[in-house]
Structure formats: C-alpha cells, structure tokens
Amino acid sequence: MVDFSAAIDEETLARLGVEKGSRRLIDIEGRAAVLSQLEGREYAISAGGSLSNTLMALARLGDASAAASGEAPLRVGMVGLVGSDPLGAYYAAQMRQAGVEVCSPAAAGANTGTVVVLTSPDAQRTMLSYLGTAAEVPVDAALEAAISRSRLLVIEGYLWELPHAARTISAAIAAAQRAGCVVAMTAGDAGVVERHHADMWAAIDQGIDLLFTNASEAAALLRYEPAFDLTAPAEPATPGGAGGAHCAAGEQLALRLGPHCSVVIVTDGDRGSYVTALGQLHCVPPCWTEAAPVDTCGAGDAYAAGLLIGYLKHYDLTAMGRTAARTASAVISRHGAALTSEAAAALAASLPALAGKGGDARRSPSAAALAPLTPRVSP
C-alpha cells in the first residue's frame, strides 16, 4: 500500500460523507474523488500499509540497535503484492531505503493499493482504502526457502482480504513450523475479524505463536470463539460490550484469548496493553512523551515492531511490553504512521535500560513462553 496522509478539519470529513475514525473500502474512481477534495492542501505520500509500517519500524530499530551495540544488523524481508505501476516502483524503493527487502517481483498489469489517511484535529484517523488489484499470494519454493532461514514470520491481518488467503496463510504457517520459525499474526481490524473469523480461528489453532489484537478486534474474535470449556460455556458478546464469560475490559479479553496462543497481546488505547503467557497477565501502562499525541495512525503497527524487537533481543515479557509502548509513543507524537530513523536511534539507546528493568530474559519465567514455545491448547 502507498499512503496519502493529510490533516483535515471536521467540515472536510462531512463533505466526504465518511464517519470519523472509520475504515472504508473504495474503488479507484473513489480514490480519485477523495484526492480531488484534498487539492490545495498539503499531504504526504509514503510507503504504507500496516505490515509495511511494522517492518520498517522493525528494520530501523534493528539497524539502530546494531549500530549502538556492534551486533549483526537485523535482516527484514517482505512478501506481498506489488503493482507494476509507478506507485509500485515508488513503494519498493521506499521500503528498500528503510531497510526492508521486497522479495516479491512486481505483478504485471496490477495496480498498487493505496490508503488515504485523514487525520482530524483530535488525532483520530479516518482511512479510505483502495486495495489494488486482488490476487493470491503464492507460497512458492522461494518463499518457503526464505521462511526456512527466518527466526520470525509475521502474518498481517489484512492479508485475509485477498483471494485464497486461508490457503496462503495455512501454507506459510506449515512452512514455518517445519523450519522451527515463530509465527506472529496481527488481526487487521475488527471488520476483518468479523468477515473472516472462522478462517482466523483455524489459523490460530494451526499454530499462531504471538497474536496481536486491540480490544475491539479481540472482542470480535471472542464472539466467534470455538467451543472451549474453561469452567462454563462461553456466552456471545458484542464488540465493545460485555456479557457472560466475555468482558470488554482489555485484561479480560487477553485472559480469554490467552489459552489459544503462547503469547497474546491486547492493546487498549490510552489504558495501555495486556500480555498473557503461561497463564500470567502482564499489564503494560502507556508511555507518554512530553508532546501530546497528534496522530494515532500507525500506533498499533509501531507497538508490534517494538514488541518483536524485544522478542528478537530475548527480553522478558515485561521489557518487551515496555519497549512496545515506547515505540508506539514515538509514532503518535508526530504526524505520519512510520517510525523515523531518528526516533529509532533514540529508542535503541534506551533498549538496554528497558531490558535491565525487565530482568534477564534467560532466567525470567515469562520468557519460557517464547523460548522454547509452550504447547498450545487447541479449542
């Protein structure tokens, strides 16, 4: 995806007829109509999409950490759909400049997807997404070989919107399991969960080791939770509501999802986040910078990158959560969804201190949830 990001006022949102804070799919003609409304305004163009934001942040944190510690640099690659249009070439160049190798060749005749990100004065973002030319992402021999050389495979939740996504994701998980590669998955958004809940649960059961959700996504997942008897049958709940065994509180959502994966993360806005592993709940407070939040777009993507860099550096879960919160705060204090190289360098300088406060990962009981990974409880 390529992001077109603009700060707009309430009147512009009203003229566009979109609900503030929502995500809506548009076609290529709809994209042209929206961009015409932004004529005369300043807006930024950047390589975007949730996975791109996470991988760029991860690469920049890895490079900054390596420069500070003398370790080998982190190698980050991405497989997906890249169009053969000028936007696709721009996207690939931007990703490589950020340290992410785009392993997929451009798809002949395909259009690259875009997201128009409109940020209102209260830091809420409204997204209008054109998904580009839809096609299956094949798990071919080249991708299997790349997975076999990797420590970590990240599956982006928005991948579920592509054709034959269940086949792609199942094959990728199987390849990772054969190679002993840890599998992380993000949920995308609550709408993605609503549309693909059965396939998502099948993937979780097959072997998702780290599951990233926010509170609304977790609630949507639990509406469709497979029969799983903790003490009594689960009662359905609506996202954002409470009922029976389900509760909208972030910690309750994390505890309810916890038995299904080795590690479950539920972010809950300014209330912080919750991490479960080995039956333990870790509450991670939000991290606030001196500057007030100005743009929440990319906060969850940055949080995932911070937690994953902590995992790759063998931090315990408490230090991983703290690193994730710090990374998210570095993104929301400025406009744009990407973690800058300057912010990554500042964060990297604080990583050893964060790890020290969290304890030695090799001796931490919570670290056992990741290395080695504990068996999952199947629904």
Protein backbone atom coordinates (compact mmCIF):
# COMPACT_ATOMS: atom_id res chain seq x y z
CA MET A 1 0.00 0.00 0.00
CA VAL A 2 1.01 3.62 -0.55
CA ASP A 3 -0.31 6.16 1.96
CA PHE A 4 -1.66 9.59 1.10
CA SER A 5 -1.79 11.36 4.51
CA ALA A 6 -3.41 14.71 5.22
CA ALA A 7 -4.53 16.70 8.25
CA ILE A 8 -8.13 17.81 7.67
CA ASP A 9 -10.93 19.58 9.51
CA GLU A 10 -14.37 18.34 10.52
CA GLU A 11 -16.02 20.16 7.59
CA THR A 12 -13.95 18.21 5.05
CA LEU A 13 -14.94 14.93 6.67
CA ALA A 14 -18.57 15.98 6.47
CA ARG A 15 -18.25 16.83 2.76
CA LEU A 16 -16.72 13.42 2.10
CA GLY A 17 -19.60 11.76 3.94
CA VAL A 18 -17.38 9.43 5.99
CA GLU A 19 -17.58 8.58 9.67
CA LYS A 20 -14.65 9.87 11.67
CA GLY A 21 -12.36 7.07 12.84
CA SER A 22 -13.72 4.55 10.35
CA ARG A 23 -12.03 2.50 7.63
CA ARG A 24 -13.87 2.25 4.33
CA LEU A 25 -13.02 0.43 1.11
CA ILE A 26 -13.17 2.50 -2.08
CA ASP A 27 -12.51 1.79 -5.76
CA ILE A 28 -10.02 3.56 -7.99
CA GLU A 29 -12.62 6.12 -9.04
CA GLY A 30 -13.46 6.78 -5.40
CA ARG A 31 -9.78 7.37 -4.70
CA ALA A 32 -9.63 10.00 -7.44
CA ALA A 33 -12.71 11.71 -6.00
CA VAL A 34 -11.24 11.81 -2.49
CA LEU A 35 -7.89 13.16 -3.68
CA SER A 36 -9.70 15.87 -5.62
CA GLN A 37 -11.14 17.07 -2.28
CA LEU A 38 -7.58 17.46 -0.99
CA GLU A 39 -6.43 19.72 -3.85
CA GLY A 40 -4.77 22.81 -2.45
CA ARG A 41 -3.91 21.06 0.82
CA GLU A 42 -0.56 19.65 1.82
CA TYR A 43 -0.39 15.89 2.07
CA ALA A 44 2.41 13.37 2.34
CA ILE A 45 2.96 10.29 0.18
CA SER A 46 4.79 7.35 1.72
CA ALA A 47 5.11 3.59 1.57
CA GLY A 48 2.38 2.43 3.91
CA GLY A 49 0.06 -0.29 4.99
CA SER A 50 0.04 -1.90 8.40
CA LEU A 51 2.65 -4.56 7.65
CA SER A 52 4.92 -2.05 5.94
CA ASN A 53 4.80 0.24 8.98
CA THR A 54 5.70 -2.63 11.30
CA LEU A 55 8.54 -3.98 9.15
CA MET A 56 10.05 -0.53 8.52
CA ALA A 57 10.00 0.19 12.25
CA LEU A 58 11.48 -3.23 12.98
CA ALA A 59 14.27 -2.71 10.43
CA ARG A 60 15.07 0.77 11.72
CA LEU A 61 15.11 -0.40 15.34
CA GLY A 62 17.33 -3.32 14.32
CA ASP A 63 19.77 -1.08 12.46
CA ALA A 64 19.91 1.46 15.29
CA SER A 65 20.39 -1.26 17.89
CA ALA A 66 23.14 -2.89 15.85
CA ALA A 67 24.93 0.43 15.44
CA ALA A 68 24.76 1.06 19.19
CA SER A 69 25.81 -2.43 20.27
CA GLY A 70 28.02 -3.70 17.47
CA GLU A 71 25.70 -6.66 16.83
CA ALA A 72 24.97 -8.02 13.37
CA PRO A 73 22.23 -6.00 11.65
CA LEU A 74 18.73 -7.39 11.52
CA ARG A 75 17.61 -8.62 8.08
CA VAL A 76 13.98 -7.93 7.30
CA GLY A 77 12.13 -9.00 4.15
CA MET A 78 8.57 -8.73 2.88
CA VAL A 79 6.46 -10.80 0.51
CA GLY A 80 3.18 -9.49 -0.85
CA LEU A 81 1.54 -7.90 -3.88
CA VAL A 82 3.36 -5.01 -5.56
CA GLY A 83 1.85 -3.50 -8.71
CA SER A 84 3.80 -2.82 -11.89
CA ASP A 85 2.58 0.81 -11.89
CA PRO A 86 4.69 3.84 -10.84
CA LEU A 87 3.25 3.65 -7.30
CA GLY A 88 4.56 0.07 -7.01
CA ALA A 89 8.07 1.14 -8.03
CA TYR A 90 7.91 4.01 -5.54
CA TYR A 91 6.75 1.66 -2.79
CA ALA A 92 9.55 -0.87 -3.36
CA ALA A 93 12.19 1.87 -3.42
CA GLN A 94 10.90 3.39 -0.17
CA MET A 95 10.86 0.01 1.59
CA ARG A 96 14.41 -0.83 0.50
CA GLN A 97 15.59 2.60 1.62
CA ALA A 98 14.09 1.82 5.05
CA GLY A 99 15.99 -1.49 5.22
CA VAL A 100 13.21 -3.88 4.16
CA GLU A 101 13.94 -6.10 1.18
CA VAL A 102 10.90 -6.52 -1.07
CA CYS A 103 11.19 -10.13 -2.14
CA SER A 104 8.17 -10.19 -4.45
CA PRO A 105 8.51 -9.22 -8.13
CA ALA A 106 6.10 -6.61 -9.45
CA ALA A 107 2.86 -8.19 -10.66
CA ALA A 108 2.45 -7.43 -14.36
CA GLY A 109 -0.52 -5.20 -15.11
CA ALA A 110 -1.50 -4.84 -11.46
CA ASN A 111 -2.36 -1.61 -9.61
CA THR A 112 -0.74 -0.90 -6.27
CA GLY A 113 -3.13 -0.36 -3.37
CA THR A 114 -3.42 2.95 -1.56
CA VAL A 115 -4.78 4.31 1.70
CA VAL A 116 -5.94 7.90 2.05
CA VAL A 117 -5.35 8.68 5.75
CA LEU A 118 -7.29 11.71 7.01
CA THR A 119 -6.30 12.95 10.47
CA SER A 120 -8.70 15.27 12.30
CA PRO A 121 -7.67 17.83 14.95
CA ASP A 122 -8.43 15.37 17.79
CA ALA A 123 -5.76 12.96 16.38
CA GLN A 124 -8.39 10.48 15.12
CA ARG A 125 -7.65 8.98 11.73
CA THR A 126 -10.13 8.01 9.03
CA MET A 127 -8.90 5.64 6.34
CA LEU A 128 -10.19 5.20 2.80
CA SER A 129 -8.55 2.15 1.28
CA TYR A 130 -8.22 1.05 -2.32
CA LEU A 131 -6.85 -2.48 -2.12
CA GLY A 132 -5.32 -2.52 -5.60
CA THR A 133 -5.50 -5.48 -7.95
CA ALA A 134 -6.55 -8.51 -5.91
CA ALA A 135 -4.57 -11.71 -6.38
CA GLU A 136 -3.39 -14.69 -4.39
CA VAL A 137 -0.01 -14.52 -2.64
CA PRO A 138 1.55 -17.89 -3.52
CA VAL A 139 3.66 -19.81 -1.03
CA ASP A 140 6.19 -20.98 -3.60
CA ALA A 141 9.64 -22.54 -3.24
CA ALA A 142 11.31 -19.13 -2.91
CA LEU A 143 9.04 -18.08 -0.06
CA GLU A 144 9.41 -21.43 1.71
CA ALA A 145 13.20 -21.07 1.48
CA ALA A 146 13.01 -17.56 2.93
CA ILE A 147 10.82 -18.78 5.81
CA SER A 148 13.25 -21.63 6.50
CA ARG A 149 16.05 -19.07 7.05
CA SER A 150 13.96 -16.86 9.34
CA ARG A 151 13.51 -16.65 13.08
CA LEU A 152 10.16 -14.93 12.82
CA LEU A 153 7.26 -14.88 10.35
CA VAL A 154 4.74 -12.03 10.66
CA ILE A 155 1.32 -12.53 9.05
CA GLU A 156 -0.60 -9.31 8.57
CA GLY A 157 -4.33 -9.47 9.32
CA TYR A 158 -5.28 -7.52 6.20
CA LEU A 159 -3.94 -10.43 4.14
CA TRP A 160 -7.26 -12.15 4.91
CA GLU A 161 -8.92 -9.76 2.46
CA LEU A 162 -7.01 -11.23 -0.52
CA PRO A 163 -8.23 -14.16 -2.64
CA HIS A 164 -7.46 -17.63 -1.24
CA ALA A 165 -5.91 -16.07 1.88
CA ALA A 166 -6.70 -19.12 4.02
CA ARG A 167 -4.64 -21.29 1.65
CA THR A 168 -1.74 -18.84 1.64
CA ILE A 169 -1.68 -18.44 5.43
CA SER A 170 -2.05 -22.14 6.17
CA ALA A 171 0.83 -23.00 3.83
CA ALA A 172 3.03 -20.27 5.34
CA ILE A 173 2.33 -21.48 8.89
CA ALA A 174 3.13 -25.05 7.88
CA ALA A 175 6.43 -23.97 6.31
CA ALA A 176 7.33 -22.02 9.46
CA GLN A 177 6.54 -24.98 11.69
CA ARG A 178 8.77 -27.26 9.61
CA ALA A 179 11.61 -24.74 9.98
CA GLY A 180 11.09 -24.03 13.69
CA CYS A 181 10.20 -20.41 12.88
CA VAL A 182 7.99 -18.47 15.33
CA VAL A 183 4.73 -17.22 13.79
CA ALA A 184 3.12 -13.90 14.75
CA MET A 185 -0.21 -12.65 13.41
CA THR A 186 -1.96 -9.30 13.65
CA ALA A 187 -5.74 -9.07 13.42
CA GLY A 188 -6.03 -6.21 10.91
CA ASP A 189 -9.15 -4.56 12.27
CA ALA A 190 -12.46 -5.58 13.78
CA GLY A 191 -14.13 -5.62 10.37
CA VAL A 192 -11.55 -8.08 9.04
CA VAL A 193 -12.19 -10.31 12.06
CA GLU A 194 -15.96 -10.16 11.51
CA ARG A 195 -15.60 -11.17 7.87
CA HIS A 196 -13.01 -13.92 8.31
CA HIS A 197 -13.48 -15.17 11.87
CA ALA A 198 -13.72 -18.88 11.05
CA ASP A 199 -10.54 -18.87 8.94
CA MET A 200 -8.74 -16.80 11.57
CA TRP A 201 -9.61 -19.30 14.27
CA ALA A 202 -8.41 -22.13 12.02
CA ALA A 203 -5.05 -20.36 11.65
CA ILE A 204 -4.81 -19.72 15.40
CA ASP A 205 -5.48 -23.40 16.05
CA GLN A 206 -2.97 -24.45 13.39
CA GLY A 207 -0.15 -22.56 15.05
CA ILE A 208 -0.07 -18.83 15.78
CA ASP A 209 2.53 -18.26 18.50
CA LEU A 210 2.11 -14.49 19.04
CA LEU A 211 -1.31 -12.93 18.46
CA PHE A 212 -1.62 -9.13 18.25
CA THR A 213 -5.08 -7.56 18.69
CA ASN A 214 -6.62 -4.41 20.01
CA ALA A 215 -9.62 -4.54 22.32
CA SER A 216 -12.26 -4.29 19.57
CA GLU A 217 -10.53 -6.98 17.48
CA ALA A 218 -10.23 -9.27 20.49
CA ALA A 219 -13.91 -8.79 21.29
CA ALA A 220 -14.82 -9.60 17.69
CA LEU A 221 -12.71 -12.75 17.79
CA LEU A 222 -14.34 -13.90 21.01
CA ARG A 223 -17.83 -13.51 19.58
CA TYR A 224 -16.97 -16.46 17.39
CA GLU A 225 -14.73 -18.34 19.79
CA PRO A 226 -14.84 -22.12 19.16
CA ALA A 227 -16.28 -24.29 21.92
CA PHE A 228 -13.64 -24.10 24.63
CA ASP A 229 -14.73 -25.03 28.13
CA LEU A 230 -12.79 -23.23 30.84
CA THR A 231 -15.47 -23.57 33.51
CA ALA A 232 -18.71 -22.99 31.61
CA PRO A 233 -19.88 -22.44 28.04
CA ALA A 234 -19.00 -19.03 26.67
CA GLU A 235 -21.84 -16.63 26.04
CA PRO A 236 -21.73 -14.36 22.98
CA ALA A 237 -20.86 -10.71 23.39
CA THR A 238 -20.87 -7.78 21.04
CA PRO A 239 -17.60 -5.95 20.31
CA GLY A 240 -17.19 -3.25 22.89
CA GLY A 241 -19.89 -4.74 25.13
CA ALA A 242 -19.89 -7.26 27.94
CA GLY A 243 -21.78 -10.44 28.57
CA GLY A 244 -21.35 -13.82 30.22
CA ALA A 245 -17.80 -15.13 30.08
CA HIS A 246 -16.72 -12.23 27.87
CA CYS A 247 -15.86 -8.75 29.05
CA ALA A 248 -14.80 -5.70 27.03
CA ALA A 249 -12.04 -4.83 29.53
CA GLY A 250 -8.66 -5.35 27.89
CA GLU A 251 -7.32 -7.61 30.61
CA GLN A 252 -10.36 -9.89 30.46
CA LEU A 253 -10.12 -10.15 26.70
CA ALA A 254 -6.43 -11.04 26.96
CA LEU A 255 -7.10 -13.70 29.58
CA ARG A 256 -9.86 -15.21 27.49
CA LEU A 257 -7.68 -15.40 24.37
CA GLY A 258 -4.60 -16.47 26.33
CA PRO A 259 -5.14 -20.26 26.25
CA HIS A 260 -5.24 -20.29 22.45
CA CYS A 261 -1.71 -18.98 21.77
CA SER A 262 1.63 -18.97 23.53
CA VAL A 263 1.54 -15.18 23.80
CA VAL A 264 -1.48 -12.90 23.31
CA ILE A 265 -1.28 -9.10 23.18
CA VAL A 266 -4.33 -6.86 23.55
CA THR A 267 -3.75 -3.12 23.17
CA ASP A 268 -6.37 -0.82 24.67
CA GLY A 269 -5.60 2.76 23.67
CA ASP A 270 -4.67 5.14 26.47
CA ARG A 271 -5.35 2.38 29.01
CA GLY A 272 -2.19 0.60 27.93
CA SER A 273 -1.89 -3.02 26.86
CA TYR A 274 -2.10 -6.54 28.24
CA VAL A 275 0.15 -9.50 27.52
CA THR A 276 -0.63 -13.07 28.55
CA ALA A 277 1.75 -16.03 28.60
CA LEU A 278 1.91 -19.21 30.68
CA GLY A 279 -1.30 -18.22 32.40
CA GLN A 280 0.20 -14.94 33.58
CA LEU A 281 -1.18 -11.49 32.77
CA HIS A 282 1.26 -8.61 32.30
CA CYS A 283 -0.30 -5.13 32.37
CA VAL A 284 1.77 -2.60 30.40
CA PRO A 285 0.98 1.07 31.08
CA PRO A 286 1.04 3.52 28.14
CA CYS A 287 4.13 5.62 27.63
CA TRP A 288 3.56 9.32 27.17
CA THR A 289 6.07 11.72 25.67
CA GLU A 290 6.31 15.40 26.56
CA ALA A 291 4.45 16.18 23.33
CA ALA A 292 0.75 15.38 23.21
CA PRO A 293 -0.41 12.75 20.70
CA VAL A 294 -1.14 14.34 17.33
CA ASP A 295 -1.75 11.31 15.07
CA THR A 296 -2.72 7.83 16.25
CA CYS A 297 -2.28 6.28 12.80
CA GLY A 298 0.34 3.53 13.00
CA ALA A 299 0.34 3.24 16.79
CA GLY A 300 -0.53 -0.47 16.76
CA ASP A 301 1.93 -1.17 13.96
CA ALA A 302 4.74 0.50 15.91
CA TYR A 303 3.71 -1.32 19.09
CA ALA A 304 4.06 -4.65 17.26
CA ALA A 305 7.52 -3.68 16.00
CA GLY A 306 8.67 -2.71 19.49
CA LEU A 307 7.44 -5.95 20.99
CA LEU A 308 9.02 -8.02 18.21
CA ILE A 309 12.42 -6.31 18.53
CA GLY A 310 12.23 -7.12 22.23
CA TYR A 311 11.47 -10.74 21.40
CA LEU A 312 14.37 -10.94 18.92
CA LYS A 313 16.68 -9.47 21.58
CA HIS A 314 15.46 -12.08 24.12
CA TYR A 315 13.81 -9.64 26.53
CA ASP A 316 11.31 -10.93 29.04
CA LEU A 317 7.65 -10.12 28.51
CA THR A 318 7.63 -7.09 30.82
CA ALA A 319 10.55 -5.48 28.98
CA MET A 320 9.03 -6.42 25.63
CA GLY A 321 5.80 -4.65 26.55
CA ARG A 322 7.62 -1.57 27.78
CA THR A 323 9.65 -1.40 24.57
CA ALA A 324 6.45 -1.75 22.54
CA ALA A 325 4.75 1.09 24.43
CA ARG A 326 7.77 3.35 23.98
CA THR A 327 7.84 2.63 20.25
CA ALA A 328 4.14 3.41 19.86
CA SER A 329 4.53 6.70 21.74
CA ALA A 330 7.33 7.76 19.40
CA VAL A 331 4.93 7.46 16.44
CA ILE A 332 1.79 9.12 17.84
CA SER A 333 3.68 12.24 18.93
CA ARG A 334 4.16 13.29 15.27
CA HIS A 335 2.22 13.15 12.02
CA GLY A 336 2.74 10.04 9.90
CA ALA A 337 2.45 6.32 10.59
CA ALA A 338 6.12 5.39 10.17
CA LEU A 339 8.79 5.33 12.88
CA THR A 340 11.55 7.69 11.75
CA SER A 341 15.23 6.75 11.77
CA GLU A 342 15.88 9.49 14.34
CA ALA A 343 13.19 8.16 16.68
CA ALA A 344 14.52 4.61 16.21
CA ALA A 345 18.02 5.73 17.19
CA ALA A 346 16.70 7.41 20.35
CA LEU A 347 14.73 4.30 21.25
CA ALA A 348 17.66 1.99 20.58
CA ALA A 349 19.76 3.95 23.06
CA SER A 350 17.20 3.15 25.77
CA LEU A 351 16.69 -0.54 24.96
CA PRO A 352 19.44 -1.90 27.26
CA ALA A 353 17.98 0.03 30.20
CA LEU A 354 14.49 -1.23 29.43
CA ALA A 355 15.77 -4.79 29.24
CA GLY A 356 17.58 -4.41 32.54
CA LYS A 357 14.42 -3.23 34.29
CA GLY A 358 12.58 -6.23 32.87
CA GLY A 359 15.10 -8.70 34.16
CA ASP A 360 17.30 -11.29 32.45
CA ALA A 361 15.20 -12.96 29.76
CA ARG A 362 17.17 -16.19 30.12
CA ARG A 363 16.11 -16.52 33.75
CA SER A 364 12.66 -14.97 33.54
CA PRO A 365 9.73 -17.40 33.95
CA SER A 366 7.71 -15.42 31.41
CA ALA A 367 10.44 -15.81 28.80
CA ALA A 368 9.73 -19.53 28.75
CA ALA A 369 6.55 -18.77 26.84
CA LEU A 370 8.68 -17.95 23.82
CA ALA A 371 11.86 -19.96 24.07
CA PRO A 372 11.04 -22.73 23.80
CA LEU A 373 7.42 -22.13 22.88
CA THR A 374 4.94 -23.91 25.08
CA PRO A 375 2.35 -26.26 23.55
CA ARG A 376 -0.85 -24.53 22.53
CA VAL A 377 -4.21 -25.54 23.94
CA SER A 378 -6.41 -26.46 20.99
CA PRO A 379 -10.07 -25.49 21.03
